[in-house]
Amino acid sequence: MSDVICSAKGCRADAVWVLAWNNPKIHTPERRKTWLACEEHREHLSQFLGVRGFLKDVVLLREWESESPERAE
């Protein structure tokens, strides 16, 4: 799926990971927003969300897509 690219600023690499997150100040607990990450940026984006307490899950893109079609945003 080459049209799915990393969410890191300026990165055009294919995404491999889904970082599911929410901001508890503005989202309901069950709401999941998603960022996509290539291998190179997965850790950086995870840390960015993690230090803010936003990161909920990190899943391989292919697993995320196969789990539930309505999950993709």
PDB file of N, CA and C in Angstrom:
ATOM      1  N   MET A   1       0.851  -1.183   0.000  1.00  0.00           N
ATOM      2  CA  MET A   1       0.000   0.000   0.000  1.00  0.00           C
ATOM      3  C   MET A   1       0.898   1.247   0.000  1.00  0.00           C
ATOM      4  N   SER A   2       1.410   1.615  -1.143  1.00  0.00           N
ATOM      5  CA  SER A   2       2.407   2.667  -1.241  1.00  0.00           C
ATOM      6  C   SER A   2       1.835   4.077  -1.099  1.00  0.00           C
ATOM      7  N   ASP A   3       0.521   4.256  -1.109  1.00  0.00           N
ATOM      8  CA  ASP A   3      -0.045   5.590  -0.976  1.00  0.00           C
ATOM      9  C   ASP A   3      -0.269   5.988   0.487  1.00  0.00           C
ATOM     10  N   VAL A   4       0.121   5.130   1.416  1.00  0.00           N
ATOM     11  CA  VAL A   4      -0.005   5.429   2.843  1.00  0.00           C
ATOM     12  C   VAL A   4       1.376   5.826   3.331  1.00  0.00           C
ATOM     13  N   ILE A   5       1.528   7.121   3.661  1.00  0.00           N
ATOM     14  CA  ILE A   5       2.862   7.623   4.008  1.00  0.00           C
ATOM     15  C   ILE A   5       2.959   8.011   5.477  1.00  0.00           C
ATOM     16  N   CYS A   6       4.164   8.095   5.943  1.00  0.00           N
ATOM     17  CA  CYS A   6       4.494   8.443   7.322  1.00  0.00           C
ATOM     18  C   CYS A   6       3.975   9.841   7.668  1.00  0.00           C
ATOM     19  N   SER A   7       3.518   9.997   8.903  1.00  0.00           N
ATOM     20  CA  SER A   7       3.002  11.287   9.379  1.00  0.00           C
ATOM     21  C   SER A   7       4.092  12.252   9.845  1.00  0.00           C
ATOM     22  N   ALA A   8       5.342  11.799   9.929  1.00  0.00           N
ATOM     23  CA  ALA A   8       6.433  12.682  10.363  1.00  0.00           C
ATOM     24  C   ALA A   8       6.607  13.814   9.354  1.00  0.00           C
ATOM     25  N   LYS A   9       6.839  15.001   9.874  1.00  0.00           N
ATOM     26  CA  LYS A   9       6.972  16.184   9.026  1.00  0.00           C
ATOM     27  C   LYS A   9       8.050  15.981   7.964  1.00  0.00           C
ATOM     28  N   GLY A  10       7.657  16.161   6.708  1.00  0.00           N
ATOM     29  CA  GLY A  10       8.588  16.078   5.599  1.00  0.00           C
ATOM     30  C   GLY A  10       8.918  14.675   5.123  1.00  0.00           C
ATOM     31  N   CYS A  11       8.448  13.655   5.823  1.00  0.00           N
ATOM     32  CA  CYS A  11       8.758  12.276   5.443  1.00  0.00           C
ATOM     33  C   CYS A  11       7.782  11.814   4.368  1.00  0.00           C
ATOM     34  N   ARG A  12       8.299  11.145   3.356  1.00  0.00           N
ATOM     35  CA  ARG A  12       7.465  10.619   2.276  1.00  0.00           C
ATOM     36  C   ARG A  12       7.568   9.102   2.201  1.00  0.00           C
ATOM     37  N   ALA A  13       8.136   8.470   3.232  1.00  0.00           N
ATOM     38  CA  ALA A  13       8.316   7.020   3.240  1.00  0.00           C
ATOM     39  C   ALA A  13       6.981   6.306   3.477  1.00  0.00           C
ATOM     40  N   ASP A  14       6.901   5.079   3.005  1.00  0.00           N
ATOM     41  CA  ASP A  14       5.716   4.263   3.236  1.00  0.00           C
ATOM     42  C   ASP A  14       5.532   4.015   4.726  1.00  0.00           C
ATOM     43  N   ALA A  15       4.311   4.101   5.181  1.00  0.00           N
ATOM     44  CA  ALA A  15       3.988   3.818   6.581  1.00  0.00           C
ATOM     45  C   ALA A  15       3.970   2.317   6.809  1.00  0.00           C
ATOM     46  N   VAL A  16       4.449   1.924   7.993  1.00  0.00           N
ATOM     47  CA  VAL A  16       4.471   0.529   8.402  1.00  0.00           C
ATOM     48  C   VAL A  16       3.690   0.365   9.709  1.00  0.00           C
ATOM     49  N   TRP A  17       3.623   1.412  10.500  1.00  0.00           N
ATOM     50  CA  TRP A  17       3.031   1.391  11.835  1.00  0.00           C
ATOM     51  C   TRP A  17       1.853   2.347  11.944  1.00  0.00           C
ATOM     52  N   VAL A  18       0.903   1.992  12.803  1.00  0.00           N
ATOM     53  CA  VAL A  18      -0.189   2.881  13.188  1.00  0.00           C
ATOM     54  C   VAL A  18       0.001   3.204  14.658  1.00  0.00           C
ATOM     55  N   LEU A  19       0.033   4.484  14.984  1.00  0.00           N
ATOM     56  CA  LEU A  19       0.101   4.936  16.369  1.00  0.00           C
ATOM     57  C   LEU A  19      -1.277   5.470  16.728  1.00  0.00           C
ATOM     58  N   ALA A  20      -1.965   4.747  17.581  1.00  0.00           N
ATOM     59  CA  ALA A  20      -3.313   5.140  17.995  1.00  0.00           C
ATOM     60  C   ALA A  20      -3.189   5.986  19.253  1.00  0.00           C
ATOM     61  N   TRP A  21      -3.888   7.116  19.267  1.00  0.00           N
ATOM     62  CA  TRP A  21      -3.754   8.038  20.393  1.00  0.00           C
ATOM     63  C   TRP A  21      -5.056   8.777  20.616  1.00  0.00           C
ATOM     64  N   ASN A  22      -5.128   9.437  21.751  1.00  0.00           N
ATOM     65  CA  ASN A  22      -6.190  10.408  21.986  1.00  0.00           C
ATOM     66  C   ASN A  22      -5.725  11.418  23.022  1.00  0.00           C
ATOM     67  N   ASN A  23      -6.299  12.590  22.936  1.00  0.00           N
ATOM     68  CA  ASN A  23      -6.028  13.658  23.901  1.00  0.00           C
ATOM     69  C   ASN A  23      -7.213  13.661  24.866  1.00  0.00           C
ATOM     70  N   PRO A  24      -7.004  13.215  26.107  1.00  0.00           N
ATOM     71  CA  PRO A  24      -8.128  13.090  27.036  1.00  0.00           C
ATOM     72  C   PRO A  24      -8.813  14.416  27.369  1.00  0.00           C
ATOM     73  N   LYS A  25      -8.161  15.523  27.088  1.00  0.00           N
ATOM     74  CA  LYS A  25      -8.797  16.824  27.346  1.00  0.00           C
ATOM     75  C   LYS A  25      -9.864  17.162  26.304  1.00  0.00           C
ATOM     76  N   ILE A  26      -9.759  16.556  25.110  1.00  0.00           N
ATOM     77  CA  ILE A  26     -10.721  16.900  24.059  1.00  0.00           C
ATOM     78  C   ILE A  26     -11.428  15.702  23.431  1.00  0.00           C
ATOM     79  N   HIS A  27     -10.952  14.471  23.691  1.00  0.00           N
ATOM     80  CA  HIS A  27     -11.553  13.281  23.094  1.00  0.00           C
ATOM     81  C   HIS A  27     -12.184  12.402  24.163  1.00  0.00           C
ATOM     82  N   THR A  28     -13.246  11.702  23.795  1.00  0.00           N
ATOM     83  CA  THR A  28     -13.825  10.708  24.691  1.00  0.00           C
ATOM     84  C   THR A  28     -12.823   9.558  24.843  1.00  0.00           C
ATOM     85  N   PRO A  29     -12.875   8.812  25.946  1.00  0.00           N
ATOM     86  CA  PRO A  29     -11.879   7.755  26.190  1.00  0.00           C
ATOM     87  C   PRO A  29     -11.768   6.706  25.092  1.00  0.00           C
ATOM     88  N   GLU A  30     -12.870   6.382  24.419  1.00  0.00           N
ATOM     89  CA  GLU A  30     -12.822   5.342  23.389  1.00  0.00           C
ATOM     90  C   GLU A  30     -12.349   5.855  22.028  1.00  0.00           C
ATOM     91  N   ARG A  31     -12.293   7.158  21.840  1.00  0.00           N
ATOM     92  CA  ARG A  31     -11.873   7.756  20.557  1.00  0.00           C
ATOM     93  C   ARG A  31     -10.408   7.472  20.297  1.00  0.00           C
ATOM     94  N   ARG A  32     -10.093   7.092  19.077  1.00  0.00           N
ATOM     95  CA  ARG A  32      -8.708   6.882  18.675  1.00  0.00           C
ATOM     96  C   ARG A  32      -8.413   7.662  17.410  1.00  0.00           C
ATOM     97  N   LYS A  33      -7.486   8.575  17.520  1.00  0.00           N
ATOM     98  CA  LYS A  33      -6.922   9.263  16.369  1.00  0.00           C
ATOM     99  C   LYS A  33      -5.720   8.424  15.945  1.00  0.00           C
ATOM    100  N   THR A  34      -5.262   8.585  14.707  1.00  0.00           N
ATOM    101  CA  THR A  34      -4.125   7.790  14.267  1.00  0.00           C
ATOM    102  C   THR A  34      -3.086   8.642  13.553  1.00  0.00           C
ATOM    103  N   TRP A  35      -1.856   8.298  13.821  1.00  0.00           N
ATOM    104  CA  TRP A  35      -0.720   8.764  13.044  1.00  0.00           C
ATOM    105  C   TRP A  35      -0.115   7.534  12.421  1.00  0.00           C
ATOM    106  N   LEU A  36       0.480   7.699  11.252  1.00  0.00           N
ATOM    107  CA  LEU A  36       1.170   6.614  10.577  1.00  0.00           C
ATOM    108  C   LEU A  36       2.666   6.863  10.667  1.00  0.00           C
ATOM    109  N   ALA A  37       3.437   5.780  10.751  1.00  0.00           N
ATOM    110  CA  ALA A  37       4.884   5.938  10.889  1.00  0.00           C
ATOM    111  C   ALA A  37       5.633   4.918  10.047  1.00  0.00           C
ATOM    112  N   CYS A  38       6.744   5.375   9.476  1.00  0.00           N
ATOM    113  CA  CYS A  38       7.675   4.462   8.818  1.00  0.00           C
ATOM    114  C   CYS A  38       8.565   3.875   9.922  1.00  0.00           C
ATOM    115  N   GLU A  39       9.408   2.929   9.562  1.00  0.00           N
ATOM    116  CA  GLU A  39      10.307   2.327  10.560  1.00  0.00           C
ATOM    117  C   GLU A  39      11.178   3.390  11.232  1.00  0.00           C
ATOM    118  N   GLU A  40      11.698   4.322  10.436  1.00  0.00           N
ATOM    119  CA  GLU A  40      12.622   5.334  10.961  1.00  0.00           C
ATOM    120  C   GLU A  40      11.973   6.255  11.984  1.00  0.00           C
ATOM    121  N   HIS A  41      10.708   6.595  11.819  1.00  0.00           N
ATOM    122  CA  HIS A  41      10.064   7.585  12.692  1.00  0.00           C
ATOM    123  C   HIS A  41       9.142   7.009  13.767  1.00  0.00           C
ATOM    124  N   ARG A  42       8.967   5.689  13.809  1.00  0.00           N
ATOM    125  CA  ARG A  42       8.061   5.087  14.788  1.00  0.00           C
ATOM    126  C   ARG A  42       8.424   5.473  16.219  1.00  0.00           C
ATOM    127  N   GLU A  43       9.668   5.340  16.573  1.00  0.00           N
ATOM    128  CA  GLU A  43      10.085   5.634  17.952  1.00  0.00           C
ATOM    129  C   GLU A  43       9.929   7.116  18.285  1.00  0.00           C
ATOM    130  N   HIS A  44      10.334   7.978  17.394  1.00  0.00           N
ATOM    131  CA  HIS A  44      10.231   9.428  17.631  1.00  0.00           C
ATOM    132  C   HIS A  44       8.772   9.864  17.819  1.00  0.00           C
ATOM    133  N   LEU A  45       7.897   9.420  16.921  1.00  0.00           N
ATOM    134  CA  LEU A  45       6.491   9.797  17.036  1.00  0.00           C
ATOM    135  C   LEU A  45       5.849   9.175  18.279  1.00  0.00           C
ATOM    136  N   SER A  46       6.240   7.944  18.605  1.00  0.00           N
ATOM    137  CA  SER A  46       5.728   7.289  19.821  1.00  0.00           C
ATOM    138  C   SER A  46       6.136   8.058  21.065  1.00  0.00           C
ATOM    139  N   GLN A  47       7.385   8.494  21.107  1.00  0.00           N
ATOM    140  CA  GLN A  47       7.863   9.273  22.265  1.00  0.00           C
ATOM    141  C   GLN A  47       7.135  10.605  22.368  1.00  0.00           C
ATOM    142  N   PHE A  48       6.926  11.265  21.242  1.00  0.00           N
ATOM    143  CA  PHE A  48       6.224  12.549  21.235  1.00  0.00           C
ATOM    144  C   PHE A  48       4.844  12.405  21.858  1.00  0.00           C
ATOM    145  N   LEU A  49       4.096  11.390  21.425  1.00  0.00           N
ATOM    146  CA  LEU A  49       2.754  11.156  21.964  1.00  0.00           C
ATOM    147  C   LEU A  49       2.819  10.630  23.396  1.00  0.00           C
ATOM    148  N   GLY A  50       3.798   9.785  23.677  1.00  0.00           N
ATOM    149  CA  GLY A  50       3.918   9.160  24.994  1.00  0.00           C
ATOM    150  C   GLY A  50       4.188  10.146  26.123  1.00  0.00           C
ATOM    151  N   VAL A  51       5.061  11.110  25.900  1.00  0.00           N
ATOM    152  CA  VAL A  51       5.380  12.062  26.973  1.00  0.00           C
ATOM    153  C   VAL A  51       4.183  12.948  27.302  1.00  0.00           C
ATOM    154  N   ARG A  52       3.256  13.057  26.399  1.00  0.00           N
ATOM    155  CA  ARG A  52       2.039  13.842  26.632  1.00  0.00           C
ATOM    156  C   ARG A  52       0.899  12.995  27.204  1.00  0.00           C
ATOM    157  N   GLY A  53       1.145  11.686  27.305  1.00  0.00           N
ATOM    158  CA  GLY A  53       0.123  10.776  27.807  1.00  0.00           C
ATOM    159  C   GLY A  53      -0.962  10.464  26.790  1.00  0.00           C
ATOM    160  N   PHE A  54      -0.681  10.692  25.511  1.00  0.00           N
ATOM    161  CA  PHE A  54      -1.674  10.502  24.456  1.00  0.00           C
ATOM    162  C   PHE A  54      -1.620   9.113  23.818  1.00  0.00           C
ATOM    163  N   LEU A  55      -0.457   8.478  23.790  1.00  0.00           N
ATOM    164  CA  LEU A  55      -0.276   7.224  23.065  1.00  0.00           C
ATOM    165  C   LEU A  55      -1.052   6.090  23.723  1.00  0.00           C
ATOM    166  N   LYS A  56      -1.854   5.392  22.932  1.00  0.00           N
ATOM    167  CA  LYS A  56      -2.661   4.278  23.429  1.00  0.00           C
ATOM    168  C   LYS A  56      -2.192   2.937  22.891  1.00  0.00           C
ATOM    169  N   ASP A  57      -1.694   2.898  21.641  1.00  0.00           N
ATOM    170  CA  ASP A  57      -1.308   1.631  21.039  1.00  0.00           C
ATOM    171  C   ASP A  57      -0.421   1.877  19.831  1.00  0.00           C
ATOM    172  N   VAL A  58       0.486   0.933  19.565  1.00  0.00           N
ATOM    173  CA  VAL A  58       1.311   0.949  18.356  1.00  0.00           C
ATOM    174  C   VAL A  58       1.136  -0.419  17.704  1.00  0.00           C
ATOM    175  N   VAL A  59       0.635  -0.415  16.477  1.00  0.00           N
ATOM    176  CA  VAL A  59       0.265  -1.653  15.787  1.00  0.00           C
ATOM    177  C   VAL A  59       0.799  -1.604  14.364  1.00  0.00           C
ATOM    178  N   LEU A  60       1.243  -2.744  13.869  1.00  0.00           N
ATOM    179  CA  LEU A  60       1.625  -2.805  12.458  1.00  0.00           C
ATOM    180  C   LEU A  60       0.433  -2.430  11.596  1.00  0.00           C
ATOM    181  N   LEU A  61       0.667  -1.665  10.553  1.00  0.00           N
ATOM    182  CA  LEU A  61      -0.400  -1.199   9.671  1.00  0.00           C
ATOM    183  C   LEU A  61      -1.225  -2.358   9.121  1.00  0.00           C
ATOM    184  N   ARG A  62      -0.569  -3.418   8.692  1.00  0.00           N
ATOM    185  CA  ARG A  62      -1.310  -4.549   8.114  1.00  0.00           C
ATOM    186  C   ARG A  62      -2.219  -5.209   9.147  1.00  0.00           C
ATOM    187  N   GLU A  63      -1.803  -5.229  10.416  1.00  0.00           N
ATOM    188  CA  GLU A  63      -2.653  -5.789  11.473  1.00  0.00           C
ATOM    189  C   GLU A  63      -3.824  -4.862  11.772  1.00  0.00           C
ATOM    190  N   TRP A  64      -3.566  -3.559  11.812  1.00  0.00           N
ATOM    191  CA  TRP A  64      -4.618  -2.567  12.060  1.00  0.00           C
ATOM    192  C   TRP A  64      -5.711  -2.678  11.008  1.00  0.00           C
ATOM    193  N   GLU A  65      -5.293  -2.781   9.749  1.00  0.00           N
ATOM    194  CA  GLU A  65      -6.249  -2.872   8.640  1.00  0.00           C
ATOM    195  C   GLU A  65      -7.041  -4.176   8.680  1.00  0.00           C
ATOM    196  N   SER A  66      -6.414  -5.248   9.108  1.00  0.00           N
ATOM    197  CA  SER A  66      -7.098  -6.541   9.110  1.00  0.00           C
ATOM    198  C   SER A  66      -8.005  -6.730  10.331  1.00  0.00           C
ATOM    199  N   GLU A  67      -7.767  -5.982  11.414  1.00  0.00           N
ATOM    200  CA  GLU A  67      -8.569  -6.117  12.630  1.00  0.00           C
ATOM    201  C   GLU A  67     -10.001  -5.670  12.438  1.00  0.00           C
ATOM    202  N   SER A  68     -10.192  -4.485  11.853  1.00  0.00           N
ATOM    203  CA  SER A  68     -11.537  -3.957  11.732  1.00  0.00           C
ATOM    204  C   SER A  68     -11.566  -2.861  10.688  1.00  0.00           C
ATOM    205  N   PRO A  69     -12.375  -3.031   9.641  1.00  0.00           N
ATOM    206  CA  PRO A  69     -12.432  -2.019   8.581  1.00  0.00           C
ATOM    207  C   PRO A  69     -12.878  -0.640   9.052  1.00  0.00           C
ATOM    208  N   GLU A  70     -13.714  -0.560  10.076  1.00  0.00           N
ATOM    209  CA  GLU A  70     -14.183   0.753  10.526  1.00  0.00           C
ATOM    210  C   GLU A  70     -13.167   1.489  11.396  1.00  0.00           C
ATOM    211  N   ARG A  71     -12.057   0.849  11.772  1.00  0.00           N
ATOM    212  CA  ARG A  71     -11.044   1.504  12.587  1.00  0.00           C
ATOM    213  C   ARG A  71     -10.270   2.568  11.827  1.00  0.00           C
ATOM    214  N   ALA A  72     -10.076   2.366  10.557  1.00  0.00           N
ATOM    215  CA  ALA A  72      -9.278   3.319   9.776  1.00  0.00           C
ATOM    216  C   ALA A  72      -9.969   4.660   9.711  1.00  0.00           C
ATOM    217  N   GLU A  73      -9.201   5.713   9.977  1.00  0.00           N
ATOM    218  CA  GLU A  73      -9.746   7.084   9.912  1.00  0.00           C
ATOM    219  C   GLU A  73      -9.157   7.795   8.725  1.00  0.00           C
TER     220      GLU A  73
END
